[in-house]
PDB file of all heavy atoms in Angstrom:
ATOM      1  N   TYR A   1      67.226 107.252  41.454  1.00  0.00           N
ATOM      2  CA  TYR A   1      67.287 108.704  41.149  1.00  0.00           C
ATOM      3  C   TYR A   1      66.201 109.402  42.046  1.00  0.00           C
ATOM      4  O   TYR A   1      65.126 108.985  42.172  1.00  0.00           O
ATOM      5  CB  TYR A   1      66.970 108.990  39.645  1.00  0.00           C
ATOM      6  CG  TYR A   1      67.799 108.184  38.735  1.00  0.00           C
ATOM      7  CD1 TYR A   1      67.425 106.883  38.282  1.00  0.00           C
ATOM      8  CD2 TYR A   1      68.950 108.743  38.169  1.00  0.00           C
ATOM      9  CE1 TYR A   1      68.278 106.176  37.385  1.00  0.00           C
ATOM     10  CE2 TYR A   1      69.724 108.056  37.272  1.00  0.00           C
ATOM     11  CZ  TYR A   1      69.360 106.799  36.923  1.00  0.00           C
ATOM     12  OH  TYR A   1      70.239 106.056  36.057  1.00  0.00           O
ATOM     13  N   GLY A   2      66.659 110.524  42.712  1.00  0.00           N
ATOM     14  CA  GLY A   2      65.753 111.168  43.617  1.00  0.00           C
ATOM     15  C   GLY A   2      66.265 112.579  43.893  1.00  0.00           C
ATOM     16  O   GLY A   2      67.169 113.101  43.390  1.00  0.00           O
ATOM     17  N   ASP A   3      65.459 113.214  44.763  1.00  0.00           N
ATOM     18  CA  ASP A   3      65.681 114.621  45.123  1.00  0.00           C
ATOM     19  C   ASP A   3      66.288 114.809  46.526  1.00  0.00           C
ATOM     20  O   ASP A   3      65.861 114.069  47.448  1.00  0.00           O
ATOM     21  CB  ASP A   3      64.356 115.444  45.123  1.00  0.00           C
ATOM     22  CG  ASP A   3      63.733 115.481  43.735  1.00  0.00           C
ATOM     23  OD1 ASP A   3      64.437 115.400  42.709  1.00  0.00           O
ATOM     24  OD2 ASP A   3      62.514 115.538  43.676  1.00  0.00           O
ATOM     25  N   VAL A   4      67.204 115.711  46.594  1.00  0.00           N
ATOM     26  CA  VAL A   4      67.758 116.109  47.873  1.00  0.00           C
ATOM     27  C   VAL A   4      67.666 117.594  48.053  1.00  0.00           C
ATOM     28  O   VAL A   4      67.951 118.340  47.128  1.00  0.00           O
ATOM     29  CB  VAL A   4      69.290 115.779  48.008  1.00  0.00           C
ATOM     30  CG1 VAL A   4      69.913 116.402  49.324  1.00  0.00           C
ATOM     31  CG2 VAL A   4      69.524 114.202  48.096  1.00  0.00           C
ATOM     32  N   ILE A   5      67.015 118.061  49.176  1.00  0.00           N
ATOM     33  CA  ILE A   5      66.781 119.538  49.408  1.00  0.00           C
ATOM     34  C   ILE A   5      67.880 120.080  50.303  1.00  0.00           C
ATOM     35  O   ILE A   5      68.103 119.551  51.438  1.00  0.00           O
ATOM     36  CB  ILE A   5      65.408 119.794  50.011  1.00  0.00           C
ATOM     37  CG1 ILE A   5      64.400 119.135  49.067  1.00  0.00           C
ATOM     38  CG2 ILE A   5      65.185 121.247  50.210  1.00  0.00           C
ATOM     39  CD1 ILE A   5      62.918 119.243  49.637  1.00  0.00           C
ATOM     40  N   ASP A   6      68.670 121.114  49.838  1.00  0.00           N
ATOM     41  CA  ASP A   6      69.666 121.700  50.687  1.00  0.00           C
ATOM     42  C   ASP A   6      69.163 122.676  51.598  1.00  0.00           C
ATOM     43  O   ASP A   6      67.946 122.969  51.740  1.00  0.00           O
ATOM     44  CB  ASP A   6      70.840 122.222  49.771  1.00  0.00           C
ATOM     45  CG  ASP A   6      70.313 123.447  49.034  1.00  0.00           C
ATOM     46  OD1 ASP A   6      69.334 124.105  49.262  1.00  0.00           O
ATOM     47  OD2 ASP A   6      71.055 123.829  47.975  1.00  0.00           O
ATOM     48  N   ALA A   7      70.077 123.309  52.382  1.00  0.00           N
ATOM     49  CA  ALA A   7      69.675 124.273  53.409  1.00  0.00           C
ATOM     50  C   ALA A   7      69.039 125.569  52.841  1.00  0.00           C
ATOM     51  O   ALA A   7      68.326 126.206  53.598  1.00  0.00           O
ATOM     52  CB  ALA A   7      70.889 124.728  54.146  1.00  0.00           C
ATOM     53  N   ASN A   8      69.183 125.838  51.478  1.00  0.00           N
ATOM     54  CA  ASN A   8      68.564 127.014  50.974  1.00  0.00           C
ATOM     55  C   ASN A   8      67.272 126.604  50.166  1.00  0.00           C
ATOM     56  O   ASN A   8      66.768 127.426  49.358  1.00  0.00           O
ATOM     57  CB  ASN A   8      69.537 127.674  49.976  1.00  0.00           C
ATOM     58  CG  ASN A   8      70.736 128.190  50.734  1.00  0.00           C
ATOM     59  OD1 ASN A   8      70.607 128.751  51.815  1.00  0.00           O
ATOM     60  ND2 ASN A   8      71.947 128.012  50.165  1.00  0.00           N
ATOM     61  N   SER A   9      66.738 125.420  50.433  1.00  0.00           N
ATOM     62  CA  SER A   9      65.582 124.885  49.843  1.00  0.00           C
ATOM     63  C   SER A   9      65.680 124.627  48.345  1.00  0.00           C
ATOM     64  O   SER A   9      64.700 124.548  47.651  1.00  0.00           O
ATOM     65  CB  SER A   9      64.386 125.833  50.089  1.00  0.00           C
ATOM     66  OG  SER A   9      64.123 125.902  51.478  1.00  0.00           O
ATOM     67  N   ASN A  10      66.960 124.529  47.854  1.00  0.00           N
ATOM     68  CA  ASN A  10      67.216 124.170  46.474  1.00  0.00           C
ATOM     69  C   ASN A  10      67.116 122.699  46.297  1.00  0.00           C
ATOM     70  O   ASN A  10      67.603 121.917  47.177  1.00  0.00           O
ATOM     71  CB  ASN A  10      68.558 124.623  45.998  1.00  0.00           C
ATOM     72  CG  ASN A  10      68.708 126.136  46.017  1.00  0.00           C
ATOM     73  OD1 ASN A  10      67.748 126.893  45.580  1.00  0.00           O
ATOM     74  ND2 ASN A  10      69.806 126.663  46.574  1.00  0.00           N
ATOM     75  N   ILE A  11      66.509 122.221  45.197  1.00  0.00           N
ATOM     76  CA  ILE A  11      66.379 120.768  45.009  1.00  0.00           C
ATOM     77  C   ILE A  11      67.471 120.292  44.044  1.00  0.00           C
ATOM     78  O   ILE A  11      67.746 120.905  42.982  1.00  0.00           O
ATOM     79  CB  ILE A  11      64.986 120.449  44.303  1.00  0.00           C
ATOM     80  CG1 ILE A  11      63.859 120.871  45.235  1.00  0.00           C
ATOM     81  CG2 ILE A  11      64.952 118.943  44.009  1.00  0.00           C
ATOM     82  CD1 ILE A  11      62.464 120.694  44.732  1.00  0.00           C
ATOM     83  N   HIS A  12      68.100 119.246  44.457  1.00  0.00           N
ATOM     84  CA  HIS A  12      69.268 118.679  43.689  1.00  0.00           C
ATOM     85  C   HIS A  12      68.888 117.200  43.199  1.00  0.00           C
ATOM     86  O   HIS A  12      68.363 116.469  44.116  1.00  0.00           O
ATOM     87  CB  HIS A  12      70.506 118.592  44.491  1.00  0.00           C
ATOM     88  CG  HIS A  12      70.998 119.953  44.843  1.00  0.00           C
ATOM     89  ND1 HIS A  12      71.867 120.689  44.090  1.00  0.00           N
ATOM     90  CD2 HIS A  12      70.764 120.661  45.964  1.00  0.00           C
ATOM     91  CE1 HIS A  12      72.086 121.791  44.716  1.00  0.00           C
ATOM     92  NE2 HIS A  12      71.413 121.819  45.872  1.00  0.00           N
ATOM     93  N   GLN A  13      69.057 116.931  41.995  1.00  0.00           N
ATOM     94  CA  GLN A  13      68.846 115.574  41.487  1.00  0.00           C
ATOM     95  C   GLN A  13      70.061 114.604  41.818  1.00  0.00           C
ATOM     96  O   GLN A  13      71.210 115.079  41.437  1.00  0.00           O
ATOM     97  CB  GLN A  13      68.598 115.564  39.989  1.00  0.00           C
ATOM     98  CG  GLN A  13      67.457 116.449  39.569  1.00  0.00           C
ATOM     99  CD  GLN A  13      66.069 115.867  39.976  1.00  0.00           C
ATOM    100  OE1 GLN A  13      65.922 114.683  40.010  1.00  0.00           O
ATOM    101  NE2 GLN A  13      65.200 116.753  40.341  1.00  0.00           N
ATOM    102  N   ILE A  14      69.842 113.596  42.573  1.00  0.00           N
ATOM    103  CA  ILE A  14      70.985 112.690  43.010  1.00  0.00           C
ATOM    104  C   ILE A  14      70.797 111.304  42.380  1.00  0.00           C
ATOM    105  O   ILE A  14      69.648 110.816  42.254  1.00  0.00           O
ATOM    106  CB  ILE A  14      70.940 112.652  44.497  1.00  0.00           C
ATOM    107  CG1 ILE A  14      71.182 114.044  45.159  1.00  0.00           C
ATOM    108  CG2 ILE A  14      72.034 111.676  44.976  1.00  0.00           C
ATOM    109  CD1 ILE A  14      72.568 114.618  44.723  1.00  0.00           C
ATOM    110  N   THR A  15      71.917 110.733  42.074  1.00  0.00           N
ATOM    111  CA  THR A  15      71.911 109.345  41.505  1.00  0.00           C
ATOM    112  C   THR A  15      72.651 108.427  42.546  1.00  0.00           C
ATOM    113  O   THR A  15      73.772 108.843  42.959  1.00  0.00           O
ATOM    114  CB  THR A  15      72.568 109.211  40.224  1.00  0.00           C
ATOM    115  OG1 THR A  15      71.882 110.134  39.237  1.00  0.00           O
ATOM    116  CG2 THR A  15      72.437 107.782  39.632  1.00  0.00           C
ATOM    117  N   VAL A  16      72.097 107.279  42.840  1.00  0.00           N
ATOM    118  CA  VAL A  16      72.789 106.322  43.785  1.00  0.00           C
ATOM    119  C   VAL A  16      72.778 104.974  43.131  1.00  0.00           C
ATOM    120  O   VAL A  16      71.748 104.542  42.578  1.00  0.00           O
ATOM    121  CB  VAL A  16      71.966 106.330  45.090  1.00  0.00           C
ATOM    122  CG1 VAL A  16      72.601 105.243  46.028  1.00  0.00           C
ATOM    123  CG2 VAL A  16      71.945 107.622  45.776  1.00  0.00           C
ATOM    124  N   ARG A  17      73.923 104.297  43.204  1.00  0.00           N
ATOM    125  CA  ARG A  17      74.008 102.899  42.786  1.00  0.00           C
ATOM    126  C   ARG A  17      73.838 102.003  43.955  1.00  0.00           C
ATOM    127  O   ARG A  17      74.509 102.154  45.001  1.00  0.00           O
ATOM    128  CB  ARG A  17      75.374 102.604  42.042  1.00  0.00           C
ATOM    129  CG  ARG A  17      75.342 101.277  41.397  1.00  0.00           C
ATOM    130  CD  ARG A  17      76.600 101.105  40.553  1.00  0.00           C
ATOM    131  NE  ARG A  17      77.712 100.757  41.284  1.00  0.00           N
ATOM    132  CZ  ARG A  17      78.977 100.481  40.749  1.00  0.00           C
ATOM    133  NH1 ARG A  17      79.140 100.652  39.525  1.00  0.00           N
ATOM    134  NH2 ARG A  17      79.929 100.168  41.578  1.00  0.00           N
ATOM    135  N   THR A  18      72.959 100.968  43.879  1.00  0.00           N
ATOM    136  CA  THR A  18      72.744 100.120  44.976  1.00  0.00           C
ATOM    137  C   THR A  18      72.899  98.642  44.514  1.00  0.00           C
ATOM    138  O   THR A  18      73.037  98.391  43.273  1.00  0.00           O
ATOM    139  CB  THR A  18      71.240 100.313  45.517  1.00  0.00           C
ATOM    140  OG1 THR A  18      70.321  99.850  44.449  1.00  0.00           O
ATOM    141  CG2 THR A  18      71.005 101.642  45.871  1.00  0.00           C
ATOM    142  N   GLU A  19      72.859  97.698  45.417  1.00  0.00           N
ATOM    143  CA  GLU A  19      72.935  96.294  45.183  1.00  0.00           C
ATOM    144  C   GLU A  19      71.567  95.892  44.418  1.00  0.00           C
ATOM    145  O   GLU A  19      70.515  96.349  44.857  1.00  0.00           O
ATOM    146  CB  GLU A  19      73.107  95.502  46.484  1.00  0.00           C
ATOM    147  CG  GLU A  19      73.607  94.151  46.318  1.00  0.00           C
ATOM    148  CD  GLU A  19      72.540  93.031  45.904  1.00  0.00           C
ATOM    149  OE1 GLU A  19      71.398  93.252  46.390  1.00  0.00           O
ATOM    150  OE2 GLU A  19      72.873  92.165  45.173  1.00  0.00           O
ATOM    151  N   GLY A  20      71.741  95.160  43.358  1.00  0.00           N
ATOM    152  CA  GLY A  20      70.602  94.910  42.446  1.00  0.00           C
ATOM    153  C   GLY A  20      69.388  94.157  43.087  1.00  0.00           C
ATOM    154  O   GLY A  20      68.368  94.303  42.575  1.00  0.00           O
ATOM    155  N   ARG A  21      69.665  93.440  44.095  1.00  0.00           N
ATOM    156  CA  ARG A  21      68.646  92.676  44.658  1.00  0.00           C
ATOM    157  C   ARG A  21      67.965  93.334  45.900  1.00  0.00           C
ATOM    158  O   ARG A  21      67.150  92.712  46.601  1.00  0.00           O
ATOM    159  CB  ARG A  21      69.112  91.235  45.066  1.00  0.00           C
ATOM    160  CG  ARG A  21      69.439  90.444  43.845  1.00  0.00           C
ATOM    161  CD  ARG A  21      69.982  89.045  44.243  1.00  0.00           C
ATOM    162  NE  ARG A  21      70.267  88.215  43.074  1.00  0.00           N
ATOM    163  CZ  ARG A  21      71.429  88.392  42.244  1.00  0.00           C
ATOM    164  NH1 ARG A  21      72.354  89.201  42.718  1.00  0.00           N
ATOM    165  NH2 ARG A  21      71.617  87.587  41.220  1.00  0.00           N
ATOM    166  N   ASN A  22      68.424  94.540  46.231  1.00  0.00           N
ATOM    167  CA  ASN A  22      67.898  95.244  47.371  1.00  0.00           C
ATOM    168  C   ASN A  22      67.752  96.785  47.087  1.00  0.00           C
ATOM    169  O   ASN A  22      68.410  97.639  47.638  1.00  0.00           O
ATOM    170  CB  ASN A  22      68.816  95.142  48.584  1.00  0.00           C
ATOM    171  CG  ASN A  22      68.211  95.614  49.863  1.00  0.00           C
ATOM    172  OD1 ASN A  22      66.996  95.704  50.029  1.00  0.00           O
ATOM    173  ND2 ASN A  22      69.143  95.954  50.782  1.00  0.00           N
ATOM    174  N   ILE A  23      66.870  97.049  46.030  1.00  0.00           N
ATOM    175  CA  ILE A  23      66.722  98.386  45.557  1.00  0.00           C
ATOM    176  C   ILE A  23      65.508  99.035  46.321  1.00  0.00           C
ATOM    177  O   ILE A  23      64.461  98.460  46.461  1.00  0.00           O
ATOM    178  CB  ILE A  23      66.416  98.371  44.084  1.00  0.00           C
ATOM    179  CG1 ILE A  23      67.536  97.612  43.345  1.00  0.00           C
ATOM    180  CG2 ILE A  23      66.370  99.853  43.473  1.00  0.00           C
ATOM    181  CD1 ILE A  23      67.185  97.485  41.837  1.00  0.00           C
ATOM    182  N   PRO A  24      65.690 100.300  46.760  1.00  0.00           N
ATOM    183  CA  PRO A  24      64.552 101.106  47.380  1.00  0.00           C
ATOM    184  C   PRO A  24      63.482 101.173  46.412  1.00  0.00           C
ATOM    185  O   PRO A  24      63.599 101.146  45.142  1.00  0.00           O
ATOM    186  CB  PRO A  24      65.202 102.428  47.695  1.00  0.00           C
ATOM    187  CG  PRO A  24      66.659 102.191  47.827  1.00  0.00           C
ATOM    188  CD  PRO A  24      66.968 101.102  46.799  1.00  0.00           C
ATOM    189  N   ARG A  25      62.265 101.425  46.885  1.00  0.00           N
ATOM    190  CA  ARG A  25      61.050 101.514  45.991  1.00  0.00           C
ATOM    191  C   ARG A  25      60.839 102.958  45.596  1.00  0.00           C
ATOM    192  O   ARG A  25      61.164 103.945  46.346  1.00  0.00           O
ATOM    193  CB  ARG A  25      59.840 100.972  46.706  1.00  0.00           C
ATOM    194  CG  ARG A  25      59.914  99.484  46.969  1.00  0.00           C
ATOM    195  CD  ARG A  25      58.643  98.991  47.625  1.00  0.00           C
ATOM    196  NE  ARG A  25      58.311  99.662  48.921  1.00  0.00           N
ATOM    197  CZ  ARG A  25      58.777  99.172  50.041  1.00  0.00           C
ATOM    198  NH1 ARG A  25      59.589  98.188  50.118  1.00  0.00           N
ATOM    199  NH2 ARG A  25      58.566  99.901  51.190  1.00  0.00           N
ATOM    200  N   ARG A  26      60.181 103.160  44.502  1.00  0.00           N
ATOM    201  CA  ARG A  26      59.746 104.494  44.049  1.00  0.00           C
ATOM    202  C   ARG A  26      58.778 105.122  44.988  1.00  0.00           C
ATOM    203  O   ARG A  26      57.844 104.444  45.602  1.00  0.00           O
ATOM    204  CB  ARG A  26      59.042 104.419  42.668  1.00  0.00           C
ATOM    205  CG  ARG A  26      58.722 105.696  42.140  1.00  0.00           C
ATOM    206  CD  ARG A  26      58.045 105.572  40.739  1.00  0.00           C
ATOM    207  NE  ARG A  26      57.478 106.777  40.248  1.00  0.00           N
ATOM    208  CZ  ARG A  26      56.800 106.916  39.069  1.00  0.00           C
ATOM    209  NH1 ARG A  26      56.635 105.895  38.341  1.00  0.00           N
ATOM    210  NH2 ARG A  26      56.463 108.112  38.661  1.00  0.00           N
ATOM    211  N   GLY A  27      59.060 106.347  45.334  1.00  0.00           N
ATOM    212  CA  GLY A  27      58.250 107.101  46.393  1.00  0.00           C
ATOM    213  C   GLY A  27      58.763 106.946  47.786  1.00  0.00           C
ATOM    214  O   GLY A  27      58.284 107.721  48.699  1.00  0.00           O
ATOM    215  N   GLU A  28      59.735 106.167  48.026  1.00  0.00           N
ATOM    216  CA  GLU A  28      60.249 105.916  49.336  1.00  0.00           C
ATOM    217  C   GLU A  28      61.148 107.014  49.744  1.00  0.00           C
ATOM    218  O   GLU A  28      61.848 107.625  48.935  1.00  0.00           O
ATOM    219  CB  GLU A  28      61.002 104.553  49.365  1.00  0.00           C
ATOM    220  CG  GLU A  28      61.453 104.139  50.706  1.00  0.00           C
ATOM    221  CD  GLU A  28      62.027 102.755  50.697  1.00  0.00           C
ATOM    222  OE1 GLU A  28      62.031 102.083  49.686  1.00  0.00           O
ATOM    223  OE2 GLU A  28      62.695 102.338  51.662  1.00  0.00           O
TER     224      GLU A  28
END
């Protein structure tokens, strides 16, 4: 779960499903 900033500087909460043994780290 993380933030994506669009062209108007609005922040959107995004959810991504990944492979369980190769998950990005918090803060990355």
